Amino acid sequence: NIWKILVEQGQIVKKGETIAIIEAMKMELP
C-alpha cells in the first residue's frame, strides 16, 4: 500500500530523494 507521497507535481527533485513510501505488512519501503 502507498503510505505516503512526499512530492508534488512540478516539484524538482534530486537523485536518491525519497518520492513515496510503500507499506508492505510491517515494512516501510522508500
Full PDB file with SEQRES, HELIX, SHEET, SSBOND, CRYST1, ORIGX, SCALE, CONECT and MASTER records, all heavy atoms in Angstrom:
SEQRES   1 A   30  ASN ILE TRP LYS ILE LEU VAL GLU GLN GLY GLN ILE VAL          
SEQRES   2 A   30  LYS LYS GLY GLU THR ILE ALA ILE ILE GLU ALA MET LYS          
SEQRES   3 A   30  MET GLU LEU PRO                                              
SHEET    1 AA1 3 ILE A   2  ILE A   5  0                                        
SHEET    2 AA1 3 ALA A  20  ALA A  24 -1                                        
SHEET    3 AA1 3 MET A  27  LEU A  29 -1                                        
CRYST1    1.000    1.000    1.000  90.00  90.00  90.00 P 1           1          
ORIGX1      1.000000  0.000000  0.000000        0.00000                         
ORIGX2      0.000000  1.000000  0.000000        0.00000                         
ORIGX3      0.000000  0.000000  1.000000        0.00000                         
SCALE1      1.000000  0.000000  0.000000        0.00000                         
SCALE2      0.000000  1.000000  0.000000        0.00000                         
SCALE3      0.000000  0.000000  1.000000        0.00000                         
ATOM      1  N   ASN A   1       0.839  -1.197   0.000  1.00  0.00           N  
ATOM      2  CA  ASN A   1       0.000   0.000   0.000  1.00  0.00           C  
ATOM      3  C   ASN A   1       0.874   1.247   0.000  1.00  0.00           C  
ATOM      4  O   ASN A   1       1.898   1.287   0.694  1.00  0.00           O  
ATOM      5  CB  ASN A   1      -0.907   0.039   1.233  1.00  0.00           C  
ATOM      6  CG  ASN A   1      -2.014  -0.992   1.152  1.00  0.00           C  
ATOM      7  OD1 ASN A   1      -2.372  -1.442   0.081  1.00  0.00           O  
ATOM      8  ND2 ASN A   1      -2.555  -1.370   2.300  1.00  0.00           N  
ATOM      9  N   ILE A   2       0.464   2.266  -0.746  1.00  0.00           N  
ATOM     10  CA  ILE A   2       1.146   3.547  -0.670  1.00  0.00           C  
ATOM     11  C   ILE A   2       0.790   4.191   0.670  1.00  0.00           C  
ATOM     12  O   ILE A   2      -0.380   4.441   0.961  1.00  0.00           O  
ATOM     13  CB  ILE A   2       0.713   4.487  -1.817  1.00  0.00           C  
ATOM     14  CG1 ILE A   2       1.086   3.885  -3.170  1.00  0.00           C  
ATOM     15  CG2 ILE A   2       1.353   5.860  -1.652  1.00  0.00           C  
ATOM     16  CD1 ILE A   2       2.577   3.800  -3.420  1.00  0.00           C  
ATOM     17  N   TRP A   3       1.790   4.419   1.498  1.00  0.00           N  
ATOM     18  CA  TRP A   3       1.541   5.057   2.782  1.00  0.00           C  
ATOM     19  C   TRP A   3       1.644   6.577   2.653  1.00  0.00           C  
ATOM     20  O   TRP A   3       0.752   7.311   3.050  1.00  0.00           O  
ATOM     21  CB  TRP A   3       2.531   4.536   3.835  1.00  0.00           C  
ATOM     22  CG  TRP A   3       2.322   5.159   5.184  1.00  0.00           C  
ATOM     23  CD1 TRP A   3       1.126   5.584   5.716  1.00  0.00           C  
ATOM     24  CD2 TRP A   3       3.308   5.445   6.167  1.00  0.00           C  
ATOM     25  NE1 TRP A   3       1.318   6.098   6.962  1.00  0.00           N  
ATOM     26  CE2 TRP A   3       2.650   6.034   7.275  1.00  0.00           C  
ATOM     27  CE3 TRP A   3       4.676   5.250   6.221  1.00  0.00           C  
ATOM     28  CZ2 TRP A   3       3.342   6.429   8.410  1.00  0.00           C  
ATOM     29  CZ3 TRP A   3       5.347   5.635   7.362  1.00  0.00           C  
ATOM     30  CH2 TRP A   3       4.687   6.228   8.446  1.00  0.00           C  
ATOM     31  N   LYS A   4       2.740   7.049   2.067  1.00  0.00           N  
ATOM     32  CA  LYS A   4       2.937   8.492   1.936  1.00  0.00           C  
ATOM     33  C   LYS A   4       3.495   8.818   0.558  1.00  0.00           C  
ATOM     34  O   LYS A   4       4.305   8.066   0.004  1.00  0.00           O  
ATOM     35  CB  LYS A   4       3.923   9.010   2.987  1.00  0.00           C  
ATOM     36  CG  LYS A   4       3.397   9.028   4.408  1.00  0.00           C  
ATOM     37  CD  LYS A   4       4.452   9.598   5.354  1.00  0.00           C  
ATOM     38  CE  LYS A   4       3.934   9.652   6.788  1.00  0.00           C  
ATOM     39  NZ  LYS A   4       4.961  10.193   7.714  1.00  0.00           N  
ATOM     40  N   ILE A   5       3.067   9.954   0.015  1.00  0.00           N  
ATOM     41  CA  ILE A   5       3.681  10.532  -1.171  1.00  0.00           C  
ATOM     42  C   ILE A   5       4.348  11.833  -0.731  1.00  0.00           C  
ATOM     43  O   ILE A   5       3.693  12.701  -0.143  1.00  0.00           O  
ATOM     44  CB  ILE A   5       2.635  10.801  -2.267  1.00  0.00           C  
ATOM     45  CG1 ILE A   5       1.973   9.482  -2.677  1.00  0.00           C  
ATOM     46  CG2 ILE A   5       3.281  11.485  -3.473  1.00  0.00           C  
ATOM     47  CD1 ILE A   5       0.792   9.664  -3.582  1.00  0.00           C  
ATOM     48  N   LEU A   6       5.626  11.959  -1.000  1.00  0.00           N  
ATOM     49  CA  LEU A   6       6.414  13.039  -0.425  1.00  0.00           C  
ATOM     50  C   LEU A   6       6.750  14.139  -1.422  1.00  0.00           C  
ATOM     51  O   LEU A   6       7.524  15.047  -1.103  1.00  0.00           O  
ATOM     52  CB  LEU A   6       7.705  12.469   0.170  1.00  0.00           C  
ATOM     53  CG  LEU A   6       7.498  11.380   1.235  1.00  0.00           C  
ATOM     54  CD1 LEU A   6       8.834  10.816   1.690  1.00  0.00           C  
ATOM     55  CD2 LEU A   6       6.727  11.929   2.427  1.00  0.00           C  
ATOM     56  N   VAL A   7       6.178  14.075  -2.630  1.00  0.00           N  
ATOM     57  CA  VAL A   7       6.440  15.104  -3.641  1.00  0.00           C  
ATOM     58  C   VAL A   7       5.120  15.592  -4.223  1.00  0.00           C  
ATOM     59  O   VAL A   7       4.062  14.981  -4.010  1.00  0.00           O  
ATOM     60  CB  VAL A   7       7.346  14.560  -4.765  1.00  0.00           C  
ATOM     61  CG1 VAL A   7       8.724  14.214  -4.234  1.00  0.00           C  
ATOM     62  CG2 VAL A   7       6.701  13.348  -5.443  1.00  0.00           C  
ATOM     63  N   GLU A   8       5.195  16.677  -4.972  1.00  0.00           N  
ATOM     64  CA  GLU A   8       4.035  17.222  -5.664  1.00  0.00           C  
ATOM     65  C   GLU A   8       4.350  17.358  -7.149  1.00  0.00           C  
ATOM     66  O   GLU A   8       5.524  17.412  -7.540  1.00  0.00           O  
ATOM     67  CB  GLU A   8       3.671  18.600  -5.095  1.00  0.00           C  
ATOM     68  CG  GLU A   8       3.283  18.589  -3.630  1.00  0.00           C  
ATOM     69  CD  GLU A   8       3.019  19.987  -3.106  1.00  0.00           C  
ATOM     70  OE1 GLU A   8       3.309  20.960  -3.847  1.00  0.00           O  
ATOM     71  OE2 GLU A   8       2.515  20.110  -1.973  1.00  0.00           O  
ATOM     72  N   GLN A   9       3.309  17.420  -7.969  1.00  0.00           N  
ATOM     73  CA  GLN A   9       3.506  17.620  -9.402  1.00  0.00           C  
ATOM     74  C   GLN A   9       4.212  18.955  -9.633  1.00  0.00           C  
ATOM     75  O   GLN A   9       3.873  19.974  -9.033  1.00  0.00           O  
ATOM     76  CB  GLN A   9       2.165  17.600 -10.123  1.00  0.00           C  
ATOM     77  CG  GLN A   9       2.295  17.635 -11.638  1.00  0.00           C  
ATOM     78  CD  GLN A   9       0.967  17.385 -12.325  1.00  0.00           C  
ATOM     79  OE1 GLN A   9       0.026  16.885 -11.706  1.00  0.00           O  
ATOM     80  NE2 GLN A   9       0.883  17.722 -13.606  1.00  0.00           N  
ATOM     81  N   GLY A  10       5.235  18.923 -10.511  1.00  0.00           N  
ATOM     82  CA  GLY A  10       6.011  20.119 -10.806  1.00  0.00           C  
ATOM     83  C   GLY A  10       7.212  20.318  -9.904  1.00  0.00           C  
ATOM     84  O   GLY A  10       8.040  21.201 -10.145  1.00  0.00           O  
ATOM     85  N   GLN A  11       7.349  19.487  -8.866  1.00  0.00           N  
ATOM     86  CA  GLN A  11       8.461  19.639  -7.925  1.00  0.00           C  
ATOM     87  C   GLN A  11       9.762  19.137  -8.539  1.00  0.00           C  
ATOM     88  O   GLN A  11       9.787  18.114  -9.219  1.00  0.00           O  
ATOM     89  CB  GLN A  11       8.150  18.858  -6.647  1.00  0.00           C  
ATOM     90  CG  GLN A  11       9.217  18.972  -5.570  1.00  0.00           C  
ATOM     91  CD  GLN A  11       8.794  18.277  -4.280  1.00  0.00           C  
ATOM     92  OE1 GLN A  11       7.601  18.120  -4.005  1.00  0.00           O  
ATOM     93  NE2 GLN A  11       9.770  17.860  -3.494  1.00  0.00           N  
ATOM     94  N   ILE A  12      10.839  19.865  -8.311  1.00  0.00           N  
ATOM     95  CA  ILE A  12      12.169  19.447  -8.757  1.00  0.00           C  
ATOM     96  C   ILE A  12      12.797  18.601  -7.657  1.00  0.00           C  
ATOM     97  O   ILE A  12      12.807  18.999  -6.490  1.00  0.00           O  
ATOM     98  CB  ILE A  12      13.050  20.664  -9.070  1.00  0.00           C  
ATOM     99  CG1 ILE A  12      12.444  21.471 -10.228  1.00  0.00           C  
ATOM    100  CG2 ILE A  12      14.475  20.238  -9.408  1.00  0.00           C  
ATOM    101  CD1 ILE A  12      13.145  22.784 -10.486  1.00  0.00           C  
ATOM    102  N   VAL A  13      13.296  17.424  -8.027  1.00  0.00           N  
ATOM    103  CA  VAL A  13      13.872  16.516  -7.040  1.00  0.00           C  
ATOM    104  C   VAL A  13      15.271  16.105  -7.471  1.00  0.00           C  
ATOM    105  O   VAL A  13      15.626  16.186  -8.650  1.00  0.00           O  
ATOM    106  CB  VAL A  13      12.999  15.257  -6.841  1.00  0.00           C  
ATOM    107  CG1 VAL A  13      11.625  15.631  -6.307  1.00  0.00           C  
ATOM    108  CG2 VAL A  13      12.876  14.473  -8.136  1.00  0.00           C  
ATOM    109  N   LYS A  14      16.052  15.673  -6.518  1.00  0.00           N  
ATOM    110  CA  LYS A  14      17.414  15.215  -6.759  1.00  0.00           C  
ATOM    111  C   LYS A  14      17.471  13.694  -6.769  1.00  0.00           C  
ATOM    112  O   LYS A  14      16.656  13.022  -6.133  1.00  0.00           O  
ATOM    113  CB  LYS A  14      18.351  15.756  -5.676  1.00  0.00           C  
ATOM    114  CG  LYS A  14      18.444  17.274  -5.623  1.00  0.00           C  
ATOM    115  CD  LYS A  14      19.115  17.822  -6.870  1.00  0.00           C  
ATOM    116  CE  LYS A  14      19.303  19.335  -6.768  1.00  0.00           C  
ATOM    117  NZ  LYS A  14      19.941  19.885  -7.997  1.00  0.00           N  
ATOM    118  N   LYS A  15      18.453  13.148  -7.455  1.00  0.00           N  
ATOM    119  CA  LYS A  15      18.658  11.711  -7.480  1.00  0.00           C  
ATOM    120  C   LYS A  15      18.824  11.175  -6.057  1.00  0.00           C  
ATOM    121  O   LYS A  15      19.560  11.741  -5.253  1.00  0.00           O  
ATOM    122  CB  LYS A  15      19.906  11.375  -8.302  1.00  0.00           C  
ATOM    123  CG  LYS A  15      20.214   9.892  -8.385  1.00  0.00           C  
ATOM    124  CD  LYS A  15      21.442   9.623  -9.237  1.00  0.00           C  
ATOM    125  CE  LYS A  15      21.764   8.144  -9.311  1.00  0.00           C  
ATOM    126  NZ  LYS A  15      22.952   7.865 -10.145  1.00  0.00           N  
ATOM    127  N   GLY A  16      18.114  10.100  -5.755  1.00  0.00           N  
ATOM    128  CA  GLY A  16      18.183   9.498  -4.433  1.00  0.00           C  
ATOM    129  C   GLY A  16      17.177  10.046  -3.441  1.00  0.00           C  
ATOM    130  O   GLY A  16      17.030   9.505  -2.332  1.00  0.00           O  
ATOM    131  N   GLU A  17      16.467  11.105  -3.804  1.00  0.00           N  
ATOM    132  CA  GLU A  17      15.464  11.675  -2.906  1.00  0.00           C  
ATOM    133  C   GLU A  17      14.263  10.731  -2.804  1.00  0.00           C  
ATOM    134  O   GLU A  17      13.861  10.103  -3.794  1.00  0.00           O  
ATOM    135  CB  GLU A  17      15.031  13.039  -3.437  1.00  0.00           C  
ATOM    136  CG  GLU A  17      14.148  13.833  -2.480  1.00  0.00           C  
ATOM    137  CD  GLU A  17      13.891  15.243  -2.979  1.00  0.00           C  
ATOM    138  OE1 GLU A  17      14.696  15.739  -3.797  1.00  0.00           O  
ATOM    139  OE2 GLU A  17      12.894  15.837  -2.557  1.00  0.00           O  
ATOM    140  N   THR A  18      13.682  10.626  -1.615  1.00  0.00           N  
ATOM    141  CA  THR A  18      12.533   9.746  -1.415  1.00  0.00           C  
ATOM    142  C   THR A  18      11.284  10.377  -2.026  1.00  0.00           C  
ATOM    143  O   THR A  18      10.913  11.494  -1.674  1.00  0.00           O  
ATOM    144  CB  THR A  18      12.294   9.457   0.074  1.00  0.00           C  
ATOM    145  OG1 THR A  18      13.480   8.865   0.625  1.00  0.00           O  
ATOM    146  CG2 THR A  18      11.129   8.494   0.259  1.00  0.00           C  
ATOM    147  N   ILE A  19      10.656   9.640  -2.933  1.00  0.00           N  
ATOM    148  CA  ILE A  19       9.465  10.118  -3.627  1.00  0.00           C  
ATOM    149  C   ILE A  19       8.186   9.677  -2.904  1.00  0.00           C  
ATOM    150  O   ILE A  19       7.229  10.426  -2.773  1.00  0.00           O  
ATOM    151  CB  ILE A  19       9.449   9.580  -5.081  1.00  0.00           C  
ATOM    152  CG1 ILE A  19      10.696  10.044  -5.828  1.00  0.00           C  
ATOM    153  CG2 ILE A  19       8.180  10.003  -5.806  1.00  0.00           C  
ATOM    154  CD1 ILE A  19      10.826  11.535  -5.962  1.00  0.00           C  
ATOM    155  N   ALA A  20       8.175   8.418  -2.467  1.00  0.00           N  
ATOM    156  CA  ALA A  20       6.999   7.849  -1.804  1.00  0.00           C  
ATOM    157  C   ALA A  20       7.450   6.718  -0.896  1.00  0.00           C  
ATOM    158  O   ALA A  20       8.602   6.259  -0.964  1.00  0.00           O  
ATOM    159  CB  ALA A  20       5.990   7.343  -2.837  1.00  0.00           C  
ATOM    160  N   ILE A  21       6.542   6.271  -0.030  1.00  0.00           N  
ATOM    161  CA  ILE A  21       6.825   5.138   0.864  1.00  0.00           C  
ATOM    162  C   ILE A  21       5.723   4.102   0.690  1.00  0.00           C  
ATOM    163  O   ILE A  21       4.536   4.411   0.792  1.00  0.00           O  
ATOM    164  CB  ILE A  21       6.903   5.588   2.336  1.00  0.00           C  
ATOM    165  CG1 ILE A  21       8.050   6.589   2.525  1.00  0.00           C  
ATOM    166  CG2 ILE A  21       7.098   4.382   3.257  1.00  0.00           C  
ATOM    167  CD1 ILE A  21       8.132   7.178   3.913  1.00  0.00           C  
ATOM    168  N   ILE A  22       6.144   2.886   0.384  1.00  0.00           N  
ATOM    169  CA  ILE A  22       5.219   1.758   0.260  1.00  0.00           C  
ATOM    170  C   ILE A  22       5.237   0.971   1.567  1.00  0.00           C  
ATOM    171  O   ILE A  22       6.297   0.689   2.120  1.00  0.00           O  
ATOM    172  CB  ILE A  22       5.622   0.833  -0.902  1.00  0.00           C  
ATOM    173  CG1 ILE A  22       5.546   1.592  -2.230  1.00  0.00           C  
ATOM    174  CG2 ILE A  22       4.726  -0.404  -0.949  1.00  0.00           C  
ATOM    175  CD1 ILE A  22       6.054   0.783  -3.410  1.00  0.00           C  
ATOM    176  N   GLU A  23       4.059   0.612   2.039  1.00  0.00           N  
ATOM    177  CA  GLU A  23       3.933  -0.225   3.228  1.00  0.00           C  
ATOM    178  C   GLU A  23       3.513  -1.617   2.798  1.00  0.00           C  
ATOM    179  O   GLU A  23       2.497  -1.789   2.122  1.00  0.00           O  
ATOM    180  CB  GLU A  23       2.894   0.369   4.174  1.00  0.00           C  
ATOM    181  CG  GLU A  23       2.648  -0.465   5.417  1.00  0.00           C  
ATOM    182  CD  GLU A  23       1.491   0.077   6.227  1.00  0.00           C  
ATOM    183  OE1 GLU A  23       0.346  -0.024   5.753  1.00  0.00           O  
ATOM    184  OE2 GLU A  23       1.720   0.603   7.319  1.00  0.00           O  
ATOM    185  N   ALA A  24       4.332  -2.602   3.143  1.00  0.00           N  
ATOM    186  CA  ALA A  24       4.005  -3.996   2.863  1.00  0.00           C  
ATOM    187  C   ALA A  24       4.061  -4.753   4.180  1.00  0.00           C  
ATOM    188  O   ALA A  24       5.135  -5.035   4.693  1.00  0.00           O  
ATOM    189  CB  ALA A  24       4.972  -4.586   1.845  1.00  0.00           C  
ATOM    190  N   MET A  25       2.899  -5.037   4.744  1.00  0.00           N  
ATOM    191  CA  MET A  25       2.776  -5.633   6.073  1.00  0.00           C  
ATOM    192  C   MET A  25       3.536  -4.769   7.080  1.00  0.00           C  
ATOM    193  O   MET A  25       3.203  -3.629   7.274  1.00  0.00           O  
ATOM    194  CB  MET A  25       3.253  -7.088   6.053  1.00  0.00           C  
ATOM    195  CG  MET A  25       2.472  -7.955   5.067  1.00  0.00           C  
ATOM    196  SD  MET A  25       0.690  -7.994   5.368  1.00  0.00           S  
ATOM    197  CE  MET A  25       0.608  -9.282   6.591  1.00  0.00           C  
ATOM    198  N   LYS A  26       4.589  -5.280   7.685  1.00  0.00           N  
ATOM    199  CA  LYS A  26       5.249  -4.496   8.727  1.00  0.00           C  
ATOM    200  C   LYS A  26       6.517  -3.807   8.243  1.00  0.00           C  
ATOM    201  O   LYS A  26       7.359  -3.407   9.044  1.00  0.00           O  
ATOM    202  CB  LYS A  26       5.563  -5.378   9.931  1.00  0.00           C  
ATOM    203  CG  LYS A  26       6.222  -6.701   9.585  1.00  0.00           C  
ATOM    204  CD  LYS A  26       6.283  -7.596  10.783  1.00  0.00           C  
ATOM    205  CE  LYS A  26       6.823  -8.968  10.444  1.00  0.00           C  
ATOM    206  NZ  LYS A  26       5.895  -9.727   9.579  1.00  0.00           N  
ATOM    207  N   MET A  27       6.667  -3.658   6.907  1.00  0.00           N  
ATOM    208  CA  MET A  27       7.850  -2.986   6.369  1.00  0.00           C  
ATOM    209  C   MET A  27       7.435  -1.713   5.656  1.00  0.00           C  
ATOM    210  O   MET A  27       6.373  -1.642   5.048  1.00  0.00           O  
ATOM    211  CB  MET A  27       8.593  -3.898   5.386  1.00  0.00           C  
ATOM    212  CG  MET A  27       9.146  -5.169   6.014  1.00  0.00           C  
ATOM    213  SD  MET A  27      10.042  -6.170   4.808  1.00  0.00           S  
ATOM    214  CE  MET A  27       8.702  -6.708   3.745  1.00  0.00           C  
ATOM    215  N   GLU A  28       8.291  -0.697   5.742  1.00  0.00           N  
ATOM    216  CA  GLU A  28       8.101   0.543   5.013  1.00  0.00           C  
ATOM    217  C   GLU A  28       9.245   0.690   4.020  1.00  0.00           C  
ATOM    218  O   GLU A  28      10.412   0.725   4.407  1.00  0.00           O  
ATOM    219  CB  GLU A  28       8.056   1.730   5.980  1.00  0.00           C  
ATOM    220  CG  GLU A  28       6.838   1.676   6.895  1.00  0.00           C  
ATOM    221  CD  GLU A  28       6.897   2.690   8.017  1.00  0.00           C  
ATOM    222  OE1 GLU A  28       7.800   3.551   7.994  1.00  0.00           O  
ATOM    223  OE2 GLU A  28       6.044   2.626   8.921  1.00  0.00           O  
ATOM    224  N   LEU A  29       8.901   0.750   2.733  1.00  0.00           N  
ATOM    225  CA  LEU A  29       9.898   0.688   1.671  1.00  0.00           C  
ATOM    226  C   LEU A  29       9.888   1.991   0.874  1.00  0.00           C  
ATOM    227  O   LEU A  29       8.907   2.298   0.197  1.00  0.00           O  
ATOM    228  CB  LEU A  29       9.591  -0.481   0.743  1.00  0.00           C  
ATOM    229  CG  LEU A  29       9.469  -1.832   1.463  1.00  0.00           C  
ATOM    230  CD1 LEU A  29       8.805  -2.855   0.572  1.00  0.00           C  
ATOM    231  CD2 LEU A  29      10.839  -2.317   1.893  1.00  0.00           C  
ATOM    232  N   PRO A  30      10.968   2.768   0.926  1.00  0.00           N  
ATOM    233  CA  PRO A  30      11.007   4.029   0.186  1.00  0.00           C  
ATOM    234  C   PRO A  30      11.199   3.809  -1.311  1.00  0.00           C  
ATOM    235  O   PRO A  30      11.867   2.865  -1.737  1.00  0.00           O  
ATOM    236  CB  PRO A  30      12.210   4.758   0.801  1.00  0.00           C  
ATOM    237  CG  PRO A  30      13.064   3.681   1.362  1.00  0.00           C  
ATOM    238  CD  PRO A  30      12.151   2.558   1.763  1.00  0.00           C  
TER     239      PRO A  30                                                      
MASTER        0    0    0    0    3    0    0    6  238    1    0    3          
END                                                                             
